[in-house]
Amino acid sequence: MIILWALILIGCIIWGIRRGRKKVALMRPAGSTEKSGRIYFLQHQKNSDRIKIVKSRGELATPLRIVAEFPTATPNAVLARIYRDLEDQHIGAGWYDAGAVRMYLDHLRGEA
């Protein structure tokens, strides 16, 4: 009987350690392991009313026209914030309304 309780206690301790490790891993700051990069705003070739927002760690080689480019130390966090800010302007398949994106860019630059 005592051996059974000892095994249950050891099992609970191991479960608690594993659960604690997962919580600590989730509490790490997002930018701690993130490498710097750039955020690009790309205009559609045939439809100038659409802009795609992407991130890249280096120079971007694309046939799309680059509307704006911002270097950043935390591209994932910045891209997530931009996606949240422009959520209402999302058209689909990663494209956003060009007029709204240009106004947002003016706002970021302090021109709006």
PDB file of N, CA and C in Angstrom:
ATOM      1  N   MET A   1       0.815  -1.192   0.000  1.00  0.00           N
ATOM      2  CA  MET A   1       0.000   0.000   0.000  1.00  0.00           C
ATOM      3  C   MET A   1       0.860   1.257   0.000  1.00  0.00           C
ATOM      4  N   ILE A   2       1.908   1.244   0.789  1.00  0.00           N
ATOM      5  CA  ILE A   2       2.800   2.405   0.861  1.00  0.00           C
ATOM      6  C   ILE A   2       3.524   2.592  -0.473  1.00  0.00           C
ATOM      7  N   ILE A   3       3.865   1.497  -1.105  1.00  0.00           N
ATOM      8  CA  ILE A   3       4.556   1.566  -2.404  1.00  0.00           C
ATOM      9  C   ILE A   3       3.629   2.193  -3.440  1.00  0.00           C
ATOM     10  N   LEU A   4       2.372   1.880  -3.414  1.00  0.00           N
ATOM     11  CA  LEU A   4       1.405   2.462  -4.339  1.00  0.00           C
ATOM     12  C   LEU A   4       1.319   3.971  -4.144  1.00  0.00           C
ATOM     13  N   TRP A   5       1.210   4.433  -2.913  1.00  0.00           N
ATOM     14  CA  TRP A   5       1.159   5.872  -2.636  1.00  0.00           C
ATOM     15  C   TRP A   5       2.456   6.562  -3.027  1.00  0.00           C
ATOM     16  N   ALA A   6       3.579   5.891  -2.842  1.00  0.00           N
ATOM     17  CA  ALA A   6       4.877   6.461  -3.232  1.00  0.00           C
ATOM     18  C   ALA A   6       4.939   6.628  -4.746  1.00  0.00           C
ATOM     19  N   LEU A   7       4.458   5.647  -5.492  1.00  0.00           N
ATOM     20  CA  LEU A   7       4.440   5.736  -6.959  1.00  0.00           C
ATOM     21  C   LEU A   7       3.510   6.854  -7.436  1.00  0.00           C
ATOM     22  N   ILE A   8       2.371   6.994  -6.792  1.00  0.00           N
ATOM     23  CA  ILE A   8       1.444   8.073  -7.154  1.00  0.00           C
ATOM     24  C   ILE A   8       2.082   9.420  -6.875  1.00  0.00           C
ATOM     25  N   LEU A   9       2.752   9.555  -5.732  1.00  0.00           N
ATOM     26  CA  LEU A   9       3.422  10.804  -5.378  1.00  0.00           C
ATOM     27  C   LEU A   9       4.536  11.132  -6.366  1.00  0.00           C
ATOM     28  N   ILE A  10       5.326  10.162  -6.727  1.00  0.00           N
ATOM     29  CA  ILE A  10       6.408  10.376  -7.699  1.00  0.00           C
ATOM     30  C   ILE A  10       5.824  10.758  -9.063  1.00  0.00           C
ATOM     31  N   GLY A  11       4.737  10.100  -9.452  1.00  0.00           N
ATOM     32  CA  GLY A  11       4.090  10.434 -10.718  1.00  0.00           C
ATOM     33  C   GLY A  11       3.588  11.871 -10.733  1.00  0.00           C
ATOM     34  N   CYS A  12       2.999  12.315  -9.627  1.00  0.00           N
ATOM     35  CA  CYS A  12       2.516  13.702  -9.538  1.00  0.00           C
ATOM     36  C   CYS A  12       3.663  14.696  -9.584  1.00  0.00           C
ATOM     37  N   ILE A  13       4.754  14.361  -8.951  1.00  0.00           N
ATOM     38  CA  ILE A  13       5.921  15.254  -8.978  1.00  0.00           C
ATOM     39  C   ILE A  13       6.462  15.377 -10.393  1.00  0.00           C
ATOM     40  N   ILE A  14       6.598  14.271 -11.094  1.00  0.00           N
ATOM     41  CA  ILE A  14       7.088  14.293 -12.481  1.00  0.00           C
ATOM     42  C   ILE A  14       6.132  15.076 -13.369  1.00  0.00           C
ATOM     43  N   TRP A  15       4.830  14.870 -13.203  1.00  0.00           N
ATOM     44  CA  TRP A  15       3.834  15.606 -13.977  1.00  0.00           C
ATOM     45  C   TRP A  15       3.957  17.104 -13.714  1.00  0.00           C
ATOM     46  N   GLY A  16       4.129  17.490 -12.453  1.00  0.00           N
ATOM     47  CA  GLY A  16       4.267  18.902 -12.106  1.00  0.00           C
ATOM     48  C   GLY A  16       5.514  19.526 -12.695  1.00  0.00           C
ATOM     49  N   ILE A  17       6.611  18.789 -12.697  1.00  0.00           N
ATOM     50  CA  ILE A  17       7.853  19.308 -13.294  1.00  0.00           C
ATOM     51  C   ILE A  17       7.670  19.527 -14.789  1.00  0.00           C
ATOM     52  N   ARG A  18       7.078  18.579 -15.473  1.00  0.00           N
ATOM     53  CA  ARG A  18       6.860  18.730 -16.920  1.00  0.00           C
ATOM     54  C   ARG A  18       5.943  19.909 -17.221  1.00  0.00           C
ATOM     55  N   ARG A  19       4.901  20.049 -16.467  1.00  0.00           N
ATOM     56  CA  ARG A  19       3.950  21.154 -16.671  1.00  0.00           C
ATOM     57  C   ARG A  19       4.628  22.502 -16.400  1.00  0.00           C
ATOM     58  N   GLY A  20       5.445  22.551 -15.369  1.00  0.00           N
ATOM     59  CA  GLY A  20       6.174  23.772 -15.052  1.00  0.00           C
ATOM     60  C   GLY A  20       7.157  24.154 -16.143  1.00  0.00           C
ATOM     61  N   ARG A  21       7.828  23.184 -16.724  1.00  0.00           N
ATOM     62  CA  ARG A  21       8.764  23.463 -17.824  1.00  0.00           C
ATOM     63  C   ARG A  21       8.044  24.053 -19.028  1.00  0.00           C
ATOM     64  N   LYS A  22       6.859  23.533 -19.333  1.00  0.00           N
ATOM     65  CA  LYS A  22       6.087  24.055 -20.456  1.00  0.00           C
ATOM     66  C   LYS A  22       5.682  25.508 -20.209  1.00  0.00           C
ATOM     67  N   LYS A  23       5.260  25.808 -18.984  1.00  0.00           N
ATOM     68  CA  LYS A  23       4.855  27.173 -18.660  1.00  0.00           C
ATOM     69  C   LYS A  23       6.030  28.129 -18.731  1.00  0.00           C
ATOM     70  N   VAL A  24       7.186  27.701 -18.274  1.00  0.00           N
ATOM     71  CA  VAL A  24       8.375  28.554 -18.336  1.00  0.00           C
ATOM     72  C   VAL A  24       8.770  28.792 -19.785  1.00  0.00           C
ATOM     73  N   ALA A  25       8.657  27.780 -20.623  1.00  0.00           N
ATOM     74  CA  ALA A  25       8.994  27.934 -22.040  1.00  0.00           C
ATOM     75  C   ALA A  25       8.056  28.932 -22.712  1.00  0.00           C
ATOM     76  N   LEU A  26       6.789  28.962 -22.317  1.00  0.00           N
ATOM     77  CA  LEU A  26       5.831  29.896 -22.907  1.00  0.00           C
ATOM     78  C   LEU A  26       6.038  31.314 -22.411  1.00  0.00           C
ATOM     79  N   MET A  27       6.702  31.504 -21.285  1.00  0.00           N
ATOM     80  CA  MET A  27       6.885  32.831 -20.709  1.00  0.00           C
ATOM     81  C   MET A  27       8.095  33.562 -21.280  1.00  0.00           C
ATOM     82  N   ARG A  28       8.900  32.901 -22.094  1.00  0.00           N
ATOM     83  CA  ARG A  28      10.067  33.563 -22.673  1.00  0.00           C
ATOM     84  C   ARG A  28       9.627  34.714 -23.566  1.00  0.00           C
ATOM     85  N   PRO A  29      10.368  35.830 -23.552  1.00  0.00           N
ATOM     86  CA  PRO A  29      10.009  36.954 -24.417  1.00  0.00           C
ATOM     87  C   PRO A  29      10.093  36.562 -25.884  1.00  0.00           C
ATOM     88  N   ALA A  30       9.188  37.103 -26.683  1.00  0.00           N
ATOM     89  CA  ALA A  30       9.109  36.739 -28.102  1.00  0.00           C
ATOM     90  C   ALA A  30      10.360  37.134 -28.865  1.00  0.00           C
ATOM     91  N   GLY A  31      10.963  38.255 -28.537  1.00  0.00           N
ATOM     92  CA  GLY A  31      12.100  38.738 -29.292  1.00  0.00           C
ATOM     93  C   GLY A  31      13.434  38.184 -28.843  1.00  0.00           C
ATOM     94  N   SER A  32      13.449  37.314 -27.859  1.00  0.00           N
ATOM     95  CA  SER A  32      14.718  36.859 -27.315  1.00  0.00           C
ATOM     96  C   SER A  32      15.506  36.013 -28.308  1.00  0.00           C
ATOM     97  N   THR A  33      14.838  35.212 -29.112  1.00  0.00           N
ATOM     98  CA  THR A  33      15.541  34.371 -30.068  1.00  0.00           C
ATOM     99  C   THR A  33      15.309  34.819 -31.505  1.00  0.00           C
ATOM    100  N   GLU A  34      14.610  35.894 -31.679  1.00  0.00           N
ATOM    101  CA  GLU A  34      14.249  36.359 -33.014  1.00  0.00           C
ATOM    102  C   GLU A  34      15.404  37.135 -33.647  1.00  0.00           C
ATOM    103  N   LYS A  35      15.654  36.852 -34.909  1.00  0.00           N
ATOM    104  CA  LYS A  35      16.698  37.569 -35.642  1.00  0.00           C
ATOM    105  C   LYS A  35      16.096  38.794 -36.327  1.00  0.00           C
ATOM    106  N   SER A  36      16.924  39.786 -36.535  1.00  0.00           N
ATOM    107  CA  SER A  36      16.436  41.001 -37.182  1.00  0.00           C
ATOM    108  C   SER A  36      16.081  40.720 -38.641  1.00  0.00           C
ATOM    109  N   GLY A  37      15.269  41.591 -39.204  1.00  0.00           N
ATOM    110  CA  GLY A  37      14.838  41.413 -40.586  1.00  0.00           C
ATOM    111  C   GLY A  37      14.169  42.670 -41.099  1.00  0.00           C
ATOM    112  N   ARG A  38      13.405  42.509 -42.158  1.00  0.00           N
ATOM    113  CA  ARG A  38      12.719  43.638 -42.783  1.00  0.00           C
ATOM    114  C   ARG A  38      11.274  43.275 -43.054  1.00  0.00           C
ATOM    115  N   ILE A  39      10.425  44.293 -43.000  1.00  0.00           N
ATOM    116  CA  ILE A  39       9.020  44.154 -43.369  1.00  0.00           C
ATOM    117  C   ILE A  39       8.844  44.847 -44.715  1.00  0.00           C
ATOM    118  N   TYR A  40       8.274  44.131 -45.678  1.00  0.00           N
ATOM    119  CA  TYR A  40       8.066  44.668 -47.018  1.00  0.00           C
ATOM    120  C   TYR A  40       6.575  44.807 -47.306  1.00  0.00           C
ATOM    121  N   PHE A  41       6.217  45.895 -47.972  1.00  0.00           N
ATOM    122  CA  PHE A  41       4.870  46.122 -48.470  1.00  0.00           C
ATOM    123  C   PHE A  41       4.966  46.043 -49.990  1.00  0.00           C
ATOM    124  N   LEU A  42       4.331  45.018 -50.575  1.00  0.00           N
ATOM    125  CA  LEU A  42       4.463  44.730 -52.003  1.00  0.00           C
ATOM    126  C   LEU A  42       3.145  44.962 -52.726  1.00  0.00           C
ATOM    127  N   GLN A  43       3.208  45.679 -53.854  1.00  0.00           N
ATOM    128  CA  GLN A  43       2.009  45.970 -54.636  1.00  0.00           C
ATOM    129  C   GLN A  43       1.811  44.907 -55.708  1.00  0.00           C
ATOM    130  N   HIS A  44       0.565  44.524 -55.914  1.00  0.00           N
ATOM    131  CA  HIS A  44       0.198  43.532 -56.927  1.00  0.00           C
ATOM    132  C   HIS A  44       0.558  44.067 -58.313  1.00  0.00           C
ATOM    133  N   GLN A  45       1.041  43.199 -59.204  1.00  0.00           N
ATOM    134  CA  GLN A  45       1.478  43.621 -60.536  1.00  0.00           C
ATOM    135  C   GLN A  45       0.319  44.121 -61.396  1.00  0.00           C
ATOM    136  N   LYS A  46      -0.779  43.389 -61.385  1.00  0.00           N
ATOM    137  CA  LYS A  46      -1.884  43.714 -62.282  1.00  0.00           C
ATOM    138  C   LYS A  46      -2.994  44.509 -61.606  1.00  0.00           C
ATOM    139  N   ASN A  47      -3.103  44.411 -60.310  1.00  0.00           N
ATOM    140  CA  ASN A  47      -4.170  45.096 -59.578  1.00  0.00           C
ATOM    141  C   ASN A  47      -3.519  46.011 -58.537  1.00  0.00           C
ATOM    142  N   SER A  48      -3.409  47.284 -58.835  1.00  0.00           N
ATOM    143  CA  SER A  48      -2.718  48.216 -57.944  1.00  0.00           C
ATOM    144  C   SER A  48      -3.519  48.531 -56.685  1.00  0.00           C
ATOM    145  N   ASP A  49      -4.725  47.963 -56.573  1.00  0.00           N
ATOM    146  CA  ASP A  49      -5.542  48.174 -55.379  1.00  0.00           C
ATOM    147  C   ASP A  49      -5.243  47.154 -54.281  1.00  0.00           C
ATOM    148  N   ARG A  50      -4.209  46.357 -54.473  1.00  0.00           N
ATOM    149  CA  ARG A  50      -3.862  45.316 -53.499  1.00  0.00           C
ATOM    150  C   ARG A  50      -2.393  45.417 -53.093  1.00  0.00           C
ATOM    151  N   ILE A  51      -2.154  45.228 -51.802  1.00  0.00           N
ATOM    152  CA  ILE A  51      -0.785  45.233 -51.268  1.00  0.00           C
ATOM    153  C   ILE A  51      -0.638  44.032 -50.342  1.00  0.00           C
ATOM    154  N   LYS A  52       0.495  43.351 -50.458  1.00  0.00           N
ATOM    155  CA  LYS A  52       0.820  42.212 -49.597  1.00  0.00           C
ATOM    156  C   LYS A  52       1.906  42.641 -48.627  1.00  0.00           C
ATOM    157  N   ILE A  53       1.832  42.173 -47.394  1.00  0.00           N
ATOM    158  CA  ILE A  53       2.811  42.515 -46.370  1.00  0.00           C
ATOM    159  C   ILE A  53       3.546  41.240 -45.984  1.00  0.00           C
ATOM    160  N   VAL A  54       4.875  41.252 -46.142  1.00  0.00           N
ATOM    161  CA  VAL A  54       5.688  40.072 -45.848  1.00  0.00           C
ATOM    162  C   VAL A  54       6.918  40.482 -45.048  1.00  0.00           C
ATOM    163  N   LYS A  55       7.583  39.472 -44.470  1.00  0.00           N
ATOM    164  CA  LYS A  55       8.840  39.718 -43.765  1.00  0.00           C
ATOM    165  C   LYS A  55       9.939  38.915 -44.449  1.00  0.00           C
ATOM    166  N   SER A  56      11.164  39.392 -44.279  1.00  0.00           N
ATOM    167  CA  SER A  56      12.313  38.712 -44.848  1.00  0.00           C
ATOM    168  C   SER A  56      13.524  39.021 -43.983  1.00  0.00           C
ATOM    169  N   ARG A  57      14.440  38.076 -43.886  1.00  0.00           N
ATOM    170  CA  ARG A  57      15.655  38.304 -43.104  1.00  0.00           C
ATOM    171  C   ARG A  57      16.731  39.003 -43.915  1.00  0.00           C
ATOM    172  N   GLY A  58      16.618  38.966 -45.219  1.00  0.00           N
ATOM    173  CA  GLY A  58      17.596  39.615 -46.083  1.00  0.00           C
ATOM    174  C   GLY A  58      16.902  40.429 -47.152  1.00  0.00           C
ATOM    175  N   GLU A  59      17.636  40.744 -48.198  1.00  0.00           N
ATOM    176  CA  GLU A  59      17.035  41.476 -49.314  1.00  0.00           C
ATOM    177  C   GLU A  59      16.016  40.577 -49.999  1.00  0.00           C
ATOM    178  N   LEU A  60      14.921  41.167 -50.405  1.00  0.00           N
ATOM    179  CA  LEU A  60      13.833  40.422 -51.012  1.00  0.00           C
ATOM    180  C   LEU A  60      13.923  40.537 -52.532  1.00  0.00           C
ATOM    181  N   ALA A  61      13.944  39.397 -53.200  1.00  0.00           N
ATOM    182  CA  ALA A  61      13.944  39.374 -54.664  1.00  0.00           C
ATOM    183  C   ALA A  61      12.539  38.977 -55.107  1.00  0.00           C
ATOM    184  N   THR A  62      11.822  39.914 -55.693  1.00  0.00           N
ATOM    185  CA  THR A  62      10.441  39.663 -56.080  1.00  0.00           C
ATOM    186  C   THR A  62      10.088  40.477 -57.320  1.00  0.00           C
ATOM    187  N   PRO A  63       9.199  39.951 -58.150  1.00  0.00           N
ATOM    188  CA  PRO A  63       8.751  40.740 -59.301  1.00  0.00           C
ATOM    189  C   PRO A  63       7.726  41.808 -58.900  1.00  0.00           C
ATOM    190  N   LEU A  64       7.198  41.725 -57.681  1.00  0.00           N
ATOM    191  CA  LEU A  64       6.222  42.709 -57.216  1.00  0.00           C
ATOM    192  C   LEU A  64       6.915  44.026 -56.894  1.00  0.00           C
ATOM    193  N   ARG A  65       6.194  45.116 -57.039  1.00  0.00           N
ATOM    194  CA  ARG A  65       6.734  46.446 -56.752  1.00  0.00           C
ATOM    195  C   ARG A  65       6.774  46.668 -55.242  1.00  0.00           C
ATOM    196  N   ILE A  66       7.930  47.069 -54.730  1.00  0.00           N
ATOM    197  CA  ILE A  66       8.081  47.330 -53.302  1.00  0.00           C
ATOM    198  C   ILE A  66       7.585  48.744 -53.013  1.00  0.00           C
ATOM    199  N   VAL A  67       6.520  48.846 -52.233  1.00  0.00           N
ATOM    200  CA  VAL A  67       5.935  50.131 -51.874  1.00  0.00           C
ATOM    201  C   VAL A  67       6.697  50.735 -50.704  1.00  0.00           C
ATOM    202  N   ALA A  68       7.001  49.918 -49.699  1.00  0.00           N
ATOM    203  CA  ALA A  68       7.723  50.387 -48.520  1.00  0.00           C
ATOM    204  C   ALA A  68       8.509  49.228 -47.929  1.00  0.00           C
ATOM    205  N   GLU A  69       9.548  49.588 -47.175  1.00  0.00           N
ATOM    206  CA  GLU A  69      10.401  48.587 -46.548  1.00  0.00           C
ATOM    207  C   GLU A  69      10.880  49.161 -45.215  1.00  0.00           C
ATOM    208  N   PHE A  70      10.769  48.353 -44.144  1.00  0.00           N
ATOM    209  CA  PHE A  70      11.173  48.804 -42.823  1.00  0.00           C
ATOM    210  C   PHE A  70      12.095  47.774 -42.185  1.00  0.00           C
ATOM    211  N   PRO A  71      13.310  48.150 -41.835  1.00  0.00           N
ATOM    212  CA  PRO A  71      14.148  47.229 -41.055  1.00  0.00           C
ATOM    213  C   PRO A  71      13.674  47.209 -39.604  1.00  0.00           C
ATOM    214  N   THR A  72      13.735  46.041 -38.974  1.00  0.00           N
ATOM    215  CA  THR A  72      13.283  45.905 -37.593  1.00  0.00           C
ATOM    216  C   THR A  72      14.075  44.817 -36.883  1.00  0.00           C
ATOM    217  N   ALA A  73      14.213  44.959 -35.583  1.00  0.00           N
ATOM    218  CA  ALA A  73      14.918  43.965 -34.783  1.00  0.00           C
ATOM    219  C   ALA A  73      14.022  42.764 -34.466  1.00  0.00           C
ATOM    220  N   THR A  74      12.719  42.972 -34.487  1.00  0.00           N
ATOM    221  CA  THR A  74      11.764  41.899 -34.180  1.00  0.00           C
ATOM    222  C   THR A  74      10.701  41.818 -35.273  1.00  0.00           C
ATOM    223  N   PRO A  75      11.012  41.228 -36.421  1.00  0.00           N
ATOM    224  CA  PRO A  75      10.049  41.204 -37.536  1.00  0.00           C
ATOM    225  C   PRO A  75       8.767  40.436 -37.235  1.00  0.00           C
ATOM    226  N   ASN A  76       8.835  39.358 -36.469  1.00  0.00           N
ATOM    227  CA  ASN A  76       7.616  38.597 -36.172  1.00  0.00           C
ATOM    228  C   ASN A  76       6.639  39.424 -35.351  1.00  0.00           C
ATOM    229  N   ALA A  77       7.139  40.107 -34.341  1.00  0.00           N
ATOM    230  CA  ALA A  77       6.266  40.923 -33.487  1.00  0.00           C
ATOM    231  C   ALA A  77       5.694  42.106 -34.265  1.00  0.00           C
ATOM    232  N   VAL A  78       6.526  42.750 -35.081  1.00  0.00           N
ATOM    233  CA  VAL A  78       6.058  43.896 -35.861  1.00  0.00           C
ATOM    234  C   VAL A  78       5.028  43.452 -36.893  1.00  0.00           C
ATOM    235  N   LEU A  79       5.285  42.344 -37.556  1.00  0.00           N
ATOM    236  CA  LEU A  79       4.345  41.837 -38.561  1.00  0.00           C
ATOM    237  C   LEU A  79       3.006  41.458 -37.910  1.00  0.00           C
ATOM    238  N   ALA A  80       3.043  40.856 -36.745  1.00  0.00           N
ATOM    239  CA  ALA A  80       1.809  40.510 -36.039  1.00  0.00           C
ATOM    240  C   ALA A  80       1.023  41.775 -35.680  1.00  0.00           C
ATOM    241  N   ARG A  81       1.722  42.828 -35.252  1.00  0.00           N
ATOM    242  CA  ARG A  81       1.039  44.079 -34.910  1.00  0.00           C
ATOM    243  C   ARG A  81       0.411  44.707 -36.157  1.00  0.00           C
ATOM    244  N   ILE A  82       1.130  44.680 -37.269  1.00  0.00           N
ATOM    245  CA  ILE A  82       0.601  45.239 -38.518  1.00  0.00           C
ATOM    246  C   ILE A  82      -0.639  44.459 -38.958  1.00  0.00           C
ATOM    247  N   TYR A  83      -0.570  43.131 -38.880  1.00  0.00           N
ATOM    248  CA  TYR A  83      -1.731  42.308 -39.250  1.00  0.00           C
ATOM    249  C   TYR A  83      -2.935  42.631 -38.373  1.00  0.00           C
ATOM    250  N   ARG A  84      -2.716  42.830 -37.067  1.00  0.00           N
ATOM    251  CA  ARG A  84      -3.831  43.189 -36.174  1.00  0.00           C
ATOM    252  C   ARG A  84      -4.388  44.562 -36.521  1.00  0.00           C
ATOM    253  N   ASP A  85      -3.492  45.519 -36.804  1.00  0.00           N
ATOM    254  CA  ASP A  85      -3.942  46.873 -37.125  1.00  0.00           C
ATOM    255  C   ASP A  85      -4.747  46.919 -38.426  1.00  0.00           C
ATOM    256  N   LEU A  86      -4.376  46.092 -39.390  1.00  0.00           N
ATOM    257  CA  LEU A  86      -5.033  46.114 -40.705  1.00  0.00           C
ATOM    258  C   LEU A  86      -6.016  44.959 -40.900  1.00  0.00           C
ATOM    259  N   GLU A  87      -6.449  44.362 -39.820  1.00  0.00           N
ATOM    260  CA  GLU A  87      -7.334  43.198 -39.895  1.00  0.00           C
ATOM    261  C   GLU A  87      -8.612  43.493 -40.679  1.00  0.00           C
ATOM    262  N   ASP A  88      -9.175  44.671 -40.516  1.00  0.00           N
ATOM    263  CA  ASP A  88     -10.418  45.022 -41.211  1.00  0.00           C
ATOM    264  C   ASP A  88     -10.208  45.268 -42.700  1.00  0.00           C
ATOM    265  N   GLN A  89      -8.987  45.506 -43.122  1.00  0.00           N
ATOM    266  CA  GLN A  89      -8.688  45.812 -44.523  1.00  0.00           C
ATOM    267  C   GLN A  89      -8.226  44.590 -45.313  1.00  0.00           C
ATOM    268  N   HIS A  90      -8.233  43.416 -44.676  1.00  0.00           N
ATOM    269  CA  HIS A  90      -7.767  42.189 -45.322  1.00  0.00           C
ATOM    270  C   HIS A  90      -8.742  41.760 -46.405  1.00  0.00           C
ATOM    271  N   ILE A  91      -8.219  41.561 -47.616  1.00  0.00           N
ATOM    272  CA  ILE A  91      -9.051  41.155 -48.750  1.00  0.00           C
ATOM    273  C   ILE A  91      -9.122  39.637 -48.826  1.00  0.00           C
ATOM    274  N   GLY A  92      -7.976  38.996 -48.691  1.00  0.00           N
ATOM    275  CA  GLY A  92      -7.897  37.543 -48.767  1.00  0.00           C
ATOM    276  C   GLY A  92      -6.573  37.129 -49.374  1.00  0.00           C
ATOM    277  N   ALA A  93      -6.143  35.916 -49.063  1.00  0.00           N
ATOM    278  CA  ALA A  93      -4.900  35.349 -49.578  1.00  0.00           C
ATOM    279  C   ALA A  93      -3.691  36.237 -49.294  1.00  0.00           C
ATOM    280  N   GLY A  94      -3.717  36.930 -48.168  1.00  0.00           N
ATOM    281  CA  GLY A  94      -2.584  37.761 -47.781  1.00  0.00           C
ATOM    282  C   GLY A  94      -2.583  39.156 -48.367  1.00  0.00           C
ATOM    283  N   TRP A  95      -3.591  39.508 -49.130  1.00  0.00           N
ATOM    284  CA  TRP A  95      -3.662  40.833 -49.752  1.00  0.00           C
ATOM    285  C   TRP A  95      -4.505  41.783 -48.919  1.00  0.00           C
ATOM    286  N   TYR A  96      -4.120  43.054 -48.933  1.00  0.00           N
ATOM    287  CA  TYR A  96      -4.812  44.104 -48.189  1.00  0.00           C
ATOM    288  C   TYR A  96      -5.173  45.238 -49.133  1.00  0.00           C
ATOM    289  N   ASP A  97      -6.177  46.023 -48.755  1.00  0.00           N
ATOM    290  CA  ASP A  97      -6.614  47.174 -49.533  1.00  0.00           C
ATOM    291  C   ASP A  97      -5.479  48.201 -49.594  1.00  0.00           C
ATOM    292  N   ALA A  98      -5.078  48.583 -50.803  1.00  0.00           N
ATOM    293  CA  ALA A  98      -3.919  49.456 -50.997  1.00  0.00           C
ATOM    294  C   ALA A  98      -4.116  50.840 -50.384  1.00  0.00           C
ATOM    295  N   GLY A  99      -5.305  51.410 -50.517  1.00  0.00           N
ATOM    296  CA  GLY A  99      -5.557  52.736 -49.959  1.00  0.00           C
ATOM    297  C   GLY A  99      -5.405  52.752 -48.445  1.00  0.00           C
ATOM    298  N   ALA A 100      -5.953  51.738 -47.794  1.00  0.00           N
ATOM    299  CA  ALA A 100      -5.858  51.655 -46.339  1.00  0.00           C
ATOM    300  C   ALA A 100      -4.414  51.413 -45.898  1.00  0.00           C
ATOM    301  N   VAL A 101      -3.686  50.597 -46.640  1.00  0.00           N
ATOM    302  CA  VAL A 101      -2.290  50.321 -46.288  1.00  0.00           C
ATOM    303  C   VAL A 101      -1.445  51.579 -46.458  1.00  0.00           C
ATOM    304  N   ARG A 102      -1.690  52.333 -47.522  1.00  0.00           N
ATOM    305  CA  ARG A 102      -0.930  53.582 -47.712  1.00  0.00           C
ATOM    306  C   ARG A 102      -1.220  54.586 -46.593  1.00  0.00           C
ATOM    307  N   MET A 103      -2.475  54.669 -46.159  1.00  0.00           N
ATOM    308  CA  MET A 103      -2.806  55.539 -45.031  1.00  0.00           C
ATOM    309  C   MET A 103      -2.114  55.056 -43.762  1.00  0.00           C
ATOM    310  N   TYR A 104      -2.054  53.755 -43.573  1.00  0.00           N
ATOM    311  CA  TYR A 104      -1.369  53.184 -42.417  1.00  0.00           C
ATOM    312  C   TYR A 104       0.127  53.497 -42.458  1.00  0.00           C
ATOM    313  N   LEU A 105       0.721  53.398 -43.639  1.00  0.00           N
ATOM    314  CA  LEU A 105       2.138  53.740 -43.792  1.00  0.00           C
ATOM    315  C   LEU A 105       2.389  55.208 -43.497  1.00  0.00           C
ATOM    316  N   ASP A 106       1.490  56.083 -43.954  1.00  0.00           N
ATOM    317  CA  ASP A 106       1.615  57.513 -43.633  1.00  0.00           C
ATOM    318  C   ASP A 106       1.518  57.725 -42.122  1.00  0.00           C
ATOM    319  N   HIS A 107       0.638  56.980 -41.495  1.00  0.00           N
ATOM    320  CA  HIS A 107       0.495  57.064 -40.037  1.00  0.00           C
ATOM    321  C   HIS A 107       1.797  56.634 -39.342  1.00  0.00           C
ATOM    322  N   LEU A 108       2.409  55.545 -39.821  1.00  0.00           N
ATOM    323  CA  LEU A 108       3.672  55.075 -39.234  1.00  0.00           C
ATOM    324  C   LEU A 108       4.792  56.096 -39.418  1.00  0.00           C
ATOM    325  N   ARG A 109       4.787  56.757 -40.545  1.00  0.00           N
ATOM    326  CA  ARG A 109       5.835  57.745 -40.824  1.00  0.00           C
ATOM    327  C   ARG A 109       5.564  59.089 -40.136  1.00  0.00           C
ATOM    328  N   GLY A 110       4.355  59.235 -39.601  1.00  0.00           N
ATOM    329  CA  GLY A 110       4.000  60.484 -38.927  1.00  0.00           C
ATOM    330  C   GLY A 110       3.506  61.547 -39.866  1.00  0.00           C
ATOM    331  N   GLU A 111       3.099  61.159 -41.070  1.00  0.00           N
ATOM    332  CA  GLU A 111       2.636  62.107 -42.072  1.00  0.00           C
ATOM    333  C   GLU A 111       1.119  62.240 -42.085  1.00  0.00           C
ATOM    334  N   ALA A 112       0.442  61.350 -41.408  1.00  0.00           N
ATOM    335  CA  ALA A 112      -1.038  61.369 -41.437  1.00  0.00           C
ATOM    336  C   ALA A 112      -1.593  62.313 -40.394  1.00  0.00           C
TER     337      ALA A 112
END
